[in-house]
PDB file of N, CA and C in Angstrom:
ATOM      1  N   MET A   1       0.843  -1.178   0.000  1.00  0.00           N
ATOM      2  CA  MET A   1       0.000   0.000   0.000  1.00  0.00           C
ATOM      3  C   MET A   1       0.887   1.239   0.000  1.00  0.00           C
ATOM      4  N   LYS A   2       0.556   2.158  -0.881  1.00  0.00           N
ATOM      5  CA  LYS A   2       1.314   3.399  -1.028  1.00  0.00           C
ATOM      6  C   LYS A   2       0.908   4.407   0.038  1.00  0.00           C
ATOM      7  N   THR A   3       1.886   5.087   0.605  1.00  0.00           N
ATOM      8  CA  THR A   3       1.655   6.212   1.507  1.00  0.00           C
ATOM      9  C   THR A   3       2.524   7.362   1.026  1.00  0.00           C
ATOM     10  N   LYS A   4       1.927   8.543   0.945  1.00  0.00           N
ATOM     11  CA  LYS A   4       2.689   9.709   0.501  1.00  0.00           C
ATOM     12  C   LYS A   4       2.403  10.885   1.409  1.00  0.00           C
ATOM     13  N   GLN A   5       3.473  11.504   1.886  1.00  0.00           N
ATOM     14  CA  GLN A   5       3.334  12.710   2.687  1.00  0.00           C
ATOM     15  C   GLN A   5       3.283  13.899   1.722  1.00  0.00           C
ATOM     16  N   ILE A   6       2.250  14.722   1.878  1.00  0.00           N
ATOM     17  CA  ILE A   6       2.058  15.874   1.012  1.00  0.00           C
ATOM     18  C   ILE A   6       1.911  17.108   1.904  1.00  0.00           C
ATOM     19  N   ILE A   7       2.726  18.110   1.636  1.00  0.00           N
ATOM     20  CA  ILE A   7       2.682  19.352   2.410  1.00  0.00           C
ATOM     21  C   ILE A   7       2.066  20.438   1.532  1.00  0.00           C
ATOM     22  N   LEU A   8       0.990  21.043   2.019  1.00  0.00           N
ATOM     23  CA  LEU A   8       0.312  22.122   1.302  1.00  0.00           C
ATOM     24  C   LEU A   8       0.407  23.408   2.113  1.00  0.00           C
ATOM     25  N   THR A   9       0.526  24.516   1.427  1.00  0.00           N
ATOM     26  CA  THR A   9       0.394  25.821   2.065  1.00  0.00           C
ATOM     27  C   THR A   9      -0.980  26.338   1.678  1.00  0.00           C
ATOM     28  N   ILE A  10      -1.822  26.542   2.692  1.00  0.00           N
ATOM     29  CA  ILE A  10      -3.212  26.931   2.477  1.00  0.00           C
ATOM     30  C   ILE A  10      -3.478  28.207   3.264  1.00  0.00           C
ATOM     31  N   ALA A  11      -3.773  29.283   2.559  1.00  0.00           N
ATOM     32  CA  ALA A  11      -4.050  30.582   3.196  1.00  0.00           C
ATOM     33  C   ALA A  11      -2.966  30.938   4.211  1.00  0.00           C
ATOM     34  N   GLY A  12      -1.710  30.707   3.825  1.00  0.00           N
ATOM     35  CA  GLY A  12      -0.575  31.054   4.672  1.00  0.00           C
ATOM     36  C   GLY A  12      -0.241  30.041   5.750  1.00  0.00           C
ATOM     37  N   ASN A  13      -0.985  28.948   5.815  1.00  0.00           N
ATOM     38  CA  ASN A  13      -0.744  27.895   6.807  1.00  0.00           C
ATOM     39  C   ASN A  13      -0.161  26.667   6.130  1.00  0.00           C
ATOM     40  N   GLU A  14       0.910  26.136   6.699  1.00  0.00           N
ATOM     41  CA  GLU A  14       1.493  24.908   6.171  1.00  0.00           C
ATOM     42  C   GLU A  14       0.878  23.715   6.891  1.00  0.00           C
ATOM     43  N   LEU A  15       0.308  22.800   6.113  1.00  0.00           N
ATOM     44  CA  LEU A  15      -0.313  21.599   6.675  1.00  0.00           C
ATOM     45  C   LEU A  15       0.273  20.372   5.993  1.00  0.00           C
ATOM     46  N   THR A  16       0.464  19.322   6.782  1.00  0.00           N
ATOM     47  CA  THR A  16       0.996  18.067   6.278  1.00  0.00           C
ATOM     48  C   THR A  16      -0.113  17.025   6.263  1.00  0.00           C
ATOM     49  N   PHE A  17      -0.211  16.309   5.153  1.00  0.00           N
ATOM     50  CA  PHE A  17      -1.188  15.243   4.986  1.00  0.00           C
ATOM     51  C   PHE A  17      -0.444  13.954   4.669  1.00  0.00           C
ATOM     52  N   ASN A  18      -0.947  12.841   5.174  1.00  0.00           N
ATOM     53  CA  ASN A  18      -0.384  11.526   4.896  1.00  0.00           C
ATOM     54  C   ASN A  18      -1.455  10.718   4.174  1.00  0.00           C
ATOM     55  N   VAL A  19      -1.364  10.724   2.850  1.00  0.00           N
ATOM     56  CA  VAL A  19      -2.379  10.078   2.017  1.00  0.00           C
ATOM     57  C   VAL A  19      -1.957   8.640   1.746  1.00  0.00           C
ATOM     58  N   THR A  20      -2.884   7.728   1.962  1.00  0.00           N
ATOM     59  CA  THR A  20      -2.636   6.310   1.716  1.00  0.00           C
ATOM     60  C   THR A  20      -3.549   5.816   0.595  1.00  0.00           C
ATOM     61  N   THR A  21      -3.212   4.676   0.061  1.00  0.00           N
ATOM     62  CA  THR A  21      -4.057   4.065  -0.957  1.00  0.00           C
ATOM     63  C   THR A  21      -5.448   3.798  -0.397  1.00  0.00           C
ATOM     64  N   LEU A  22      -5.533   3.339   0.841  1.00  0.00           N
ATOM     65  CA  LEU A  22      -6.828   3.064   1.464  1.00  0.00           C
ATOM     66  C   LEU A  22      -7.666   4.346   1.586  1.00  0.00           C
ATOM     67  N   ALA A  23      -7.058   5.435   2.048  1.00  0.00           N
ATOM     68  CA  ALA A  23      -7.775   6.706   2.183  1.00  0.00           C
ATOM     69  C   ALA A  23      -8.235   7.213   0.812  1.00  0.00           C
ATOM     70  N   TYR A  24      -7.366   7.084  -0.182  1.00  0.00           N
ATOM     71  CA  TYR A  24      -7.708   7.502  -1.545  1.00  0.00           C
ATOM     72  C   TYR A  24      -8.883   6.689  -2.081  1.00  0.00           C
ATOM     73  N   ASN A  25      -8.794   5.369  -1.970  1.00  0.00           N
ATOM     74  CA  ASN A  25      -9.858   4.500  -2.479  1.00  0.00           C
ATOM     75  C   ASN A  25     -11.185   4.757  -1.764  1.00  0.00           C
ATOM     76  N   SER A  26     -11.135   4.948  -0.478  1.00  0.00           N
ATOM     77  CA  SER A  26     -12.358   5.237   0.285  1.00  0.00           C
ATOM     78  C   SER A  26     -12.994   6.537  -0.197  1.00  0.00           C
ATOM     79  N   TYR A  27     -12.179   7.548  -0.406  1.00  0.00           N
ATOM     80  CA  TYR A  27     -12.677   8.845  -0.885  1.00  0.00           C
ATOM     81  C   TYR A  27     -13.363   8.697  -2.242  1.00  0.00           C
ATOM     82  N   VAL A  28     -12.691   8.032  -3.165  1.00  0.00           N
ATOM     83  CA  VAL A  28     -13.259   7.861  -4.502  1.00  0.00           C
ATOM     84  C   VAL A  28     -14.568   7.083  -4.435  1.00  0.00           C
ATOM     85  N   ASN A  29     -14.624   6.066  -3.593  1.00  0.00           N
ATOM     86  CA  ASN A  29     -15.838   5.253  -3.472  1.00  0.00           C
ATOM     87  C   ASN A  29     -16.994   6.009  -2.812  1.00  0.00           C
ATOM     88  N   GLU A  30     -16.700   6.990  -1.969  1.00  0.00           N
ATOM     89  CA  GLU A  30     -17.734   7.730  -1.239  1.00  0.00           C
ATOM     90  C   GLU A  30     -18.355   8.864  -2.062  1.00  0.00           C
ATOM     91  N   ILE A  31     -17.631   9.361  -3.046  1.00  0.00           N
ATOM     92  CA  ILE A  31     -18.123  10.492  -3.846  1.00  0.00           C
ATOM     93  C   ILE A  31     -19.244  10.026  -4.772  1.00  0.00           C
ATOM     94  N   THR A  32     -20.314  10.814  -4.806  1.00  0.00           N
ATOM     95  CA  THR A  32     -21.403  10.574  -5.748  1.00  0.00           C
ATOM     96  C   THR A  32     -21.736  11.904  -6.430  1.00  0.00           C
ATOM     97  N   GLN A  33     -22.600  11.850  -7.398  1.00  0.00           N
ATOM     98  CA  GLN A  33     -23.016  13.055  -8.113  1.00  0.00           C
ATOM     99  C   GLN A  33     -23.588  14.102  -7.153  1.00  0.00           C
ATOM    100  N   GLN A  34     -24.332  13.649  -6.152  1.00  0.00           N
ATOM    101  CA  GLN A  34     -24.982  14.564  -5.219  1.00  0.00           C
ATOM    102  C   GLN A  34     -24.210  14.750  -3.907  1.00  0.00           C
ATOM    103  N   ASN A  35     -23.115  14.037  -3.722  1.00  0.00           N
ATOM    104  CA  ASN A  35     -22.414  14.066  -2.436  1.00  0.00           C
ATOM    105  C   ASN A  35     -20.909  14.171  -2.650  1.00  0.00           C
ATOM    106  N   LYS A  36     -20.404  15.398  -2.613  1.00  0.00           N
ATOM    107  CA  LYS A  36     -18.974  15.627  -2.791  1.00  0.00           C
ATOM    108  C   LYS A  36     -18.331  16.272  -1.564  1.00  0.00           C
ATOM    109  N   ILE A  37     -19.085  17.111  -0.873  1.00  0.00           N
ATOM    110  CA  ILE A  37     -18.506  17.873   0.234  1.00  0.00           C
ATOM    111  C   ILE A  37     -18.202  16.982   1.440  1.00  0.00           C
ATOM    112  N   ALA A  38     -19.170  16.195   1.895  1.00  0.00           N
ATOM    113  CA  ALA A  38     -18.955  15.343   3.075  1.00  0.00           C
ATOM    114  C   ALA A  38     -17.785  14.376   2.875  1.00  0.00           C
ATOM    115  N   PRO A  39     -17.688  13.676   1.727  1.00  0.00           N
ATOM    116  CA  PRO A  39     -16.525  12.808   1.537  1.00  0.00           C
ATOM    117  C   PRO A  39     -15.205  13.579   1.515  1.00  0.00           C
ATOM    118  N   SER A  40     -15.226  14.803   0.978  1.00  0.00           N
ATOM    119  CA  SER A  40     -14.003  15.615   0.949  1.00  0.00           C
ATOM    120  C   SER A  40     -13.577  16.009   2.357  1.00  0.00           C
ATOM    121  N   ILE A  41     -14.543  16.400   3.186  1.00  0.00           N
ATOM    122  CA  ILE A  41     -14.239  16.749   4.576  1.00  0.00           C
ATOM    123  C   ILE A  41     -13.662  15.537   5.303  1.00  0.00           C
ATOM    124  N   GLN A  42     -14.289  14.382   5.123  1.00  0.00           N
ATOM    125  CA  GLN A  42     -13.796  13.156   5.772  1.00  0.00           C
ATOM    126  C   GLN A  42     -12.391  12.808   5.292  1.00  0.00           C
ATOM    127  N   PHE A  43     -12.149  12.937   3.997  1.00  0.00           N
ATOM    128  CA  PHE A  43     -10.837  12.605   3.433  1.00  0.00           C
ATOM    129  C   PHE A  43      -9.734  13.494   4.003  1.00  0.00           C
ATOM    130  N   VAL A  44      -9.953  14.809   4.007  1.00  0.00           N
ATOM    131  CA  VAL A  44      -8.895  15.697   4.513  1.00  0.00           C
ATOM    132  C   VAL A  44      -8.704  15.517   6.020  1.00  0.00           C
ATOM    133  N   ASN A  45      -9.790  15.259   6.755  1.00  0.00           N
ATOM    134  CA  ASN A  45      -9.650  15.011   8.197  1.00  0.00           C
ATOM    135  C   ASN A  45      -8.940  13.687   8.482  1.00  0.00           C
ATOM    136  N   ARG A  46      -9.173  12.675   7.641  1.00  0.00           N
ATOM    137  CA  ARG A  46      -8.512  11.374   7.820  1.00  0.00           C
ATOM    138  C   ARG A  46      -7.023  11.437   7.543  1.00  0.00           C
ATOM    139  N   THR A  47      -6.633  12.318   6.621  1.00  0.00           N
ATOM    140  CA  THR A  47      -5.240  12.306   6.158  1.00  0.00           C
ATOM    141  C   THR A  47      -4.367  13.408   6.748  1.00  0.00           C
ATOM    142  N   VAL A  48      -4.956  14.401   7.399  1.00  0.00           N
ATOM    143  CA  VAL A  48      -4.145  15.492   7.953  1.00  0.00           C
ATOM    144  C   VAL A  48      -3.306  14.984   9.122  1.00  0.00           C
ATOM    145  N   ASN A  49      -2.095  15.507   9.221  1.00  0.00           N
ATOM    146  CA  ASN A  49      -1.226  15.204  10.351  1.00  0.00           C
ATOM    147  C   ASN A  49      -1.915  15.701  11.619  1.00  0.00           C
ATOM    148  N   LYS A  50      -1.875  14.917  12.656  1.00  0.00           N
ATOM    149  CA  LYS A  50      -2.573  15.255  13.916  1.00  0.00           C
ATOM    150  C   LYS A  50      -2.163  16.634  14.447  1.00  0.00           C
ATOM    151  N   ASP A  51      -0.899  17.006  14.255  1.00  0.00           N
ATOM    152  CA  ASP A  51      -0.424  18.315  14.731  1.00  0.00           C
ATOM    153  C   ASP A  51      -1.079  19.479  13.987  1.00  0.00           C
ATOM    154  N   ASP A  52      -1.625  19.207  12.802  1.00  0.00           N
ATOM    155  CA  ASP A  52      -2.223  20.257  11.988  1.00  0.00           C
ATOM    156  C   ASP A  52      -3.748  20.221  11.979  1.00  0.00           C
ATOM    157  N   SER A  53      -4.352  19.338  12.756  1.00  0.00           N
ATOM    158  CA  SER A  53      -5.807  19.167  12.699  1.00  0.00           C
ATOM    159  C   SER A  53      -6.570  20.425  13.128  1.00  0.00           C
ATOM    160  N   GLU A  54      -6.069  21.168  14.095  1.00  0.00           N
ATOM    161  CA  GLU A  54      -6.756  22.401  14.513  1.00  0.00           C
ATOM    162  C   GLU A  54      -6.683  23.475  13.435  1.00  0.00           C
ATOM    163  N   LYS A  55      -5.522  23.575  12.770  1.00  0.00           N
ATOM    164  CA  LYS A  55      -5.397  24.538  11.664  1.00  0.00           C
ATOM    165  C   LYS A  55      -6.375  24.178  10.551  1.00  0.00           C
ATOM    166  N   LEU A  56      -6.485  22.878  10.261  1.00  0.00           N
ATOM    167  CA  LEU A  56      -7.406  22.433   9.223  1.00  0.00           C
ATOM    168  C   LEU A  56      -8.847  22.753   9.605  1.00  0.00           C
ATOM    169  N   LYS A  57      -9.199  22.486  10.838  1.00  0.00           N
ATOM    170  CA  LYS A  57     -10.559  22.754  11.310  1.00  0.00           C
ATOM    171  C   LYS A  57     -10.912  24.229  11.119  1.00  0.00           C
ATOM    172  N   THR A  58      -9.992  25.113  11.453  1.00  0.00           N
ATOM    173  CA  THR A  58     -10.208  26.553  11.288  1.00  0.00           C
ATOM    174  C   THR A  58     -10.388  26.906   9.813  1.00  0.00           C
ATOM    175  N   LEU A  59      -9.540  26.351   8.954  1.00  0.00           N
ATOM    176  CA  LEU A  59      -9.653  26.616   7.523  1.00  0.00           C
ATOM    177  C   LEU A  59     -10.989  26.143   6.965  1.00  0.00           C
ATOM    178  N   LEU A  60     -11.416  24.960   7.382  1.00  0.00           N
ATOM    179  CA  LEU A  60     -12.689  24.423   6.894  1.00  0.00           C
ATOM    180  C   LEU A  60     -13.864  25.279   7.351  1.00  0.00           C
ATOM    181  N   ASN A  61     -13.757  25.842   8.547  1.00  0.00           N
ATOM    182  CA  ASN A  61     -14.828  26.713   9.059  1.00  0.00           C
ATOM    183  C   ASN A  61     -14.815  28.090   8.403  1.00  0.00           C
ATOM    184  N   ASP A  62     -13.630  28.601   8.085  1.00  0.00           N
ATOM    185  CA  ASP A  62     -13.508  29.962   7.569  1.00  0.00           C
ATOM    186  C   ASP A  62     -13.664  30.085   6.049  1.00  0.00           C
ATOM    187  N   TYR A  63     -13.415  29.004   5.319  1.00  0.00           N
ATOM    188  CA  TYR A  63     -13.414  29.060   3.858  1.00  0.00           C
ATOM    189  C   TYR A  63     -14.372  28.028   3.270  1.00  0.00           C
ATOM    190  N   PRO A  64     -15.558  28.461   2.848  1.00  0.00           N
ATOM    191  CA  PRO A  64     -16.505  27.529   2.221  1.00  0.00           C
ATOM    192  C   PRO A  64     -15.858  26.854   1.003  1.00  0.00           C
ATOM    193  N   GLY A  65     -16.041  25.552   0.879  1.00  0.00           N
ATOM    194  CA  GLY A  65     -15.484  24.807  -0.248  1.00  0.00           C
ATOM    195  C   GLY A  65     -14.031  24.419  -0.093  1.00  0.00           C
ATOM    196  N   ALA A  66     -13.430  24.764   1.038  1.00  0.00           N
ATOM    197  CA  ALA A  66     -12.004  24.470   1.238  1.00  0.00           C
ATOM    198  C   ALA A  66     -11.718  22.973   1.173  1.00  0.00           C
ATOM    199  N   ALA A  67     -12.578  22.164   1.762  1.00  0.00           N
ATOM    200  CA  ALA A  67     -12.337  20.716   1.781  1.00  0.00           C
ATOM    201  C   ALA A  67     -12.249  20.152   0.376  1.00  0.00           C
ATOM    202  N   LEU A  68     -13.133  20.594  -0.493  1.00  0.00           N
ATOM    203  CA  LEU A  68     -13.137  20.105  -1.871  1.00  0.00           C
ATOM    204  C   LEU A  68     -11.865  20.526  -2.606  1.00  0.00           C
ATOM    205  N   GLN A  69     -11.424  21.761  -2.386  1.00  0.00           N
ATOM    206  CA  GLN A  69     -10.200  22.252  -3.024  1.00  0.00           C
ATOM    207  C   GLN A  69      -8.965  21.533  -2.494  1.00  0.00           C
ATOM    208  N   ILE A  70      -8.910  21.325  -1.179  1.00  0.00           N
ATOM    209  CA  ILE A  70      -7.766  20.635  -0.571  1.00  0.00           C
ATOM    210  C   ILE A  70      -7.726  19.191  -1.056  1.00  0.00           C
ATOM    211  N   ALA A  71      -8.862  18.514  -1.033  1.00  0.00           N
ATOM    212  CA  ALA A  71      -8.920  17.126  -1.493  1.00  0.00           C
ATOM    213  C   ALA A  71      -8.466  17.033  -2.948  1.00  0.00           C
ATOM    214  N   GLY A  72      -8.888  17.985  -3.759  1.00  0.00           N
ATOM    215  CA  GLY A  72      -8.486  17.990  -5.160  1.00  0.00           C
ATOM    216  C   GLY A  72      -6.975  18.072  -5.334  1.00  0.00           C
ATOM    217  N   LYS A  73      -6.332  18.936  -4.570  1.00  0.00           N
ATOM    218  CA  LYS A  73      -4.865  19.067  -4.645  1.00  0.00           C
ATOM    219  C   LYS A  73      -4.178  17.788  -4.166  1.00  0.00           C
ATOM    220  N   LEU A  74      -4.703  17.196  -3.093  1.00  0.00           N
ATOM    221  CA  LEU A  74      -4.107  15.957  -2.574  1.00  0.00           C
ATOM    222  C   LEU A  74      -4.229  14.828  -3.594  1.00  0.00           C
ATOM    223  N   ILE A  75      -5.389  14.692  -4.204  1.00  0.00           N
ATOM    224  CA  ILE A  75      -5.608  13.644  -5.202  1.00  0.00           C
ATOM    225  C   ILE A  75      -4.729  13.875  -6.426  1.00  0.00           C
ATOM    226  N   GLU A  76      -4.633  15.115  -6.844  1.00  0.00           N
ATOM    227  CA  GLU A  76      -3.800  15.466  -7.999  1.00  0.00           C
ATOM    228  C   GLU A  76      -2.352  15.030  -7.784  1.00  0.00           C
ATOM    229  N   ASP A  77      -1.850  15.215  -6.572  1.00  0.00           N
ATOM    230  CA  ASP A  77      -0.464  14.851  -6.278  1.00  0.00           C
ATOM    231  C   ASP A  77      -0.315  13.353  -6.014  1.00  0.00           C
ATOM    232  N   PHE A  78      -1.285  12.756  -5.344  1.00  0.00           N
ATOM    233  CA  PHE A  78      -1.183  11.343  -4.961  1.00  0.00           C
ATOM    234  C   PHE A  78      -1.371  10.417  -6.161  1.00  0.00           C
ATOM    235  N   ALA A  79      -2.324  10.720  -7.009  1.00  0.00           N
ATOM    236  CA  ALA A  79      -2.660   9.848  -8.134  1.00  0.00           C
ATOM    237  C   ALA A  79      -2.707  10.670  -9.425  1.00  0.00           C
ATOM    238  N   PRO A  80      -1.540  11.010  -9.966  1.00  0.00           N
ATOM    239  CA  PRO A  80      -1.529  11.833 -11.176  1.00  0.00           C
ATOM    240  C   PRO A  80      -2.130  11.068 -12.360  1.00  0.00           C
ATOM    241  N   ASP A  81      -2.581  11.830 -13.351  1.00  0.00           N
ATOM    242  CA  ASP A  81      -3.168  11.232 -14.546  1.00  0.00           C
ATOM    243  C   ASP A  81      -2.142  10.363 -15.275  1.00  0.00           C
ATOM    244  N   LEU A  82      -2.618   9.251 -15.784  1.00  0.00           N
ATOM    245  CA  LEU A  82      -1.795   8.384 -16.617  1.00  0.00           C
ATOM    246  C   LEU A  82      -2.115   8.651 -18.072  1.00  0.00           C
ATOM    247  N   GLU A  83      -1.120   8.524 -18.916  1.00  0.00           N
ATOM    248  CA  GLU A  83      -1.380   8.598 -20.349  1.00  0.00           C
ATOM    249  C   GLU A  83      -1.707   7.189 -20.804  1.00  0.00           C
ATOM    250  N   ILE A  84      -2.925   7.009 -21.273  1.00  0.00           N
ATOM    251  CA  ILE A  84      -3.388   5.688 -21.713  1.00  0.00           C
ATOM    252  C   ILE A  84      -3.881   5.810 -23.144  1.00  0.00           C
ATOM    253  N   THR A  85      -3.391   4.946 -24.001  1.00  0.00           N
ATOM    254  CA  THR A  85      -3.834   4.937 -25.390  1.00  0.00           C
ATOM    255  C   THR A  85      -4.286   3.528 -25.760  1.00  0.00           C
ATOM    256  N   ILE A  86      -5.150   3.469 -26.761  1.00  0.00           N
ATOM    257  CA  ILE A  86      -5.630   2.195 -27.273  1.00  0.00           C
ATOM    258  C   ILE A  86      -4.800   1.840 -28.503  1.00  0.00           C
ATOM    259  N   LYS A  87      -4.302   0.636 -28.491  1.00  0.00           N
ATOM    260  CA  LYS A  87      -3.511   0.168 -29.631  1.00  0.00           C
ATOM    261  C   LYS A  87      -4.385  -0.761 -30.465  1.00  0.00           C
ATOM    262  N   ASN A  88      -4.545  -0.414 -31.722  1.00  0.00           N
ATOM    263  CA  ASN A  88      -5.369  -1.234 -32.627  1.00  0.00           C
ATOM    264  C   ASN A  88      -4.516  -2.165 -33.451  1.00  0.00           C
TER     265      ASN A  88
END
């Protein structure tokens, strides 16, 4: 199982996240067309370093949509796009 430490600077605050394959897979499985915010909040709370959890809580309260933006950056870094082509 892959684990990657990702450090983000968010609104002047440095936060460390430890993203795992399990956390990533759970997040992807929880997202639906009508439900994106709650899974994003759970994902960032699951992966944030314990020392940074209070900073994250403040950011989530102060900035609407922050969880979705943070989750997006974490996913972008953890699981980058693959170039896939079909060979005929």
